[in-house]
Protein backbone atom coordinates (compact mmCIF):
# COMPACT_ATOMS: atom_id res chain seq x y z
CA UNK A 1 58.64 131.81 68.26
CA UNK A 2 61.08 134.69 68.69
CA UNK A 3 59.78 135.39 72.21
CA UNK A 4 60.54 131.83 73.36
CA UNK A 5 64.10 132.03 71.97
CA UNK A 6 64.62 135.37 73.69
CA UNK A 7 63.33 133.86 76.95
CA UNK A 8 65.80 130.96 76.74
CA UNK A 9 68.78 133.18 75.94
CA UNK A 10 69.59 134.07 79.59
CA UNK A 11 69.45 130.38 80.55
CA UNK A 12 71.83 129.39 77.75
CA UNK A 13 74.11 132.29 78.63
CA UNK A 14 74.21 131.21 82.29
CA UNK A 15 75.14 127.66 81.28
CA UNK A 16 77.97 128.91 79.06
CA UNK A 17 79.33 131.12 81.84
CA UNK A 18 79.03 128.24 84.34
CA UNK A 19 80.94 125.98 81.97
CA UNK A 20 83.86 128.40 81.58
CA UNK A 21 83.93 129.47 85.25
CA UNK A 22 83.48 126.11 87.03
CA UNK A 23 83.36 123.00 84.86
CA UNK A 24 86.29 123.60 82.51
CA UNK A 25 88.86 124.48 85.23
CA UNK A 26 87.79 121.42 87.27
CA UNK A 27 88.27 119.16 84.26
CA UNK A 28 91.71 120.68 83.70
CA UNK A 29 92.71 120.01 87.33
CA UNK A 30 91.50 116.40 87.06
CA UNK A 31 93.52 115.88 83.90
CA UNK A 32 96.66 117.32 85.52
CA UNK A 33 96.17 115.13 88.63
CA UNK A 34 95.71 112.02 86.50
CA UNK A 35 98.91 112.82 84.57
CA UNK A 36 100.81 113.38 87.83
CA UNK A 37 99.65 110.03 89.23
CA UNK A 38 100.58 108.19 86.04
CA UNK A 39 104.05 109.76 86.06
CA UNK A 40 104.91 108.59 89.59
CA UNK A 41 108.15 106.65 89.83
CA UNK A 42 110.15 104.87 92.49
CA UNK A 43 112.06 107.38 94.62
CA UNK A 44 109.58 110.25 94.18
CA UNK A 45 108.70 112.16 97.34
CA UNK A 46 104.96 112.72 97.70
CA UNK A 47 102.33 114.15 100.03
CA UNK A 48 99.02 112.32 100.37
CA UNK A 49 95.58 113.84 100.82
CA UNK A 50 95.76 112.77 104.47
CA UNK A 51 98.96 114.73 105.04
CA UNK A 52 101.42 111.84 105.05
CA UNK A 53 104.81 112.61 103.53
CA UNK A 54 106.90 109.78 102.18
CA UNK A 55 109.10 108.33 99.48
CA UNK A 56 107.66 105.94 96.89
CA UNK A 57 109.32 102.53 97.26
CA UNK A 58 107.06 100.27 95.18
CA UNK A 59 104.36 100.82 92.58
CA UNK A 60 101.48 98.62 91.51
CA UNK A 61 98.38 99.14 89.38
CA UNK A 62 96.19 100.98 91.88
CA UNK A 63 98.43 101.24 94.94
CA UNK A 64 101.86 102.44 95.93
CA UNK A 65 104.05 101.88 98.96
CA UNK A 66 105.44 104.87 100.81
CA UNK A 67 108.35 104.80 103.21
CA UNK A 68 107.36 107.33 105.86
CA UNK A 69 110.25 106.55 108.24
CA UNK A 70 113.23 104.21 108.24
CA UNK A 71 111.76 100.72 108.02
CA UNK A 72 108.13 101.95 108.11
CA UNK A 73 106.19 101.42 104.90
CA UNK A 74 102.51 102.09 104.25
CA UNK A 75 100.36 101.18 101.28
CA UNK A 76 98.09 103.91 99.84
CA UNK A 77 95.92 104.27 96.79
CA UNK A 78 97.44 106.17 93.91
CA UNK A 79 94.52 108.59 93.92
CA UNK A 80 95.41 109.61 97.50
CA UNK A 81 98.57 111.35 96.30
CA UNK A 82 97.94 115.09 96.46
CA UNK A 83 101.27 116.35 95.13
CA UNK A 84 104.78 115.34 94.19
CA UNK A 85 107.34 117.18 96.29
CA UNK A 86 110.79 118.39 95.21
CA UNK A 87 113.65 115.97 95.92
CA UNK A 88 115.12 116.38 99.38
CA UNK A 89 111.92 117.63 101.03
CA UNK A 90 111.35 114.47 103.06
CA UNK A 91 114.26 113.78 105.40
């Protein structure tokens, strides 16, 4: 009985290390990204995962409209927003 527990100890230890090294930080990043997407507001300047920079003009449940140039508006999914930029970045 003790030998089987001793044999499983390295496996359990590897799982614990994997959790703290890889899984937990990824979950934290997902939570921060979800909070950032929920906090988006009209007028925010954002960068999408595809590299498009624009200003949020309209918001809906799963999509938002970005003005990428004067009179040019595109619709993207909320999840495509990679980061919110400081005001004045997009000119």
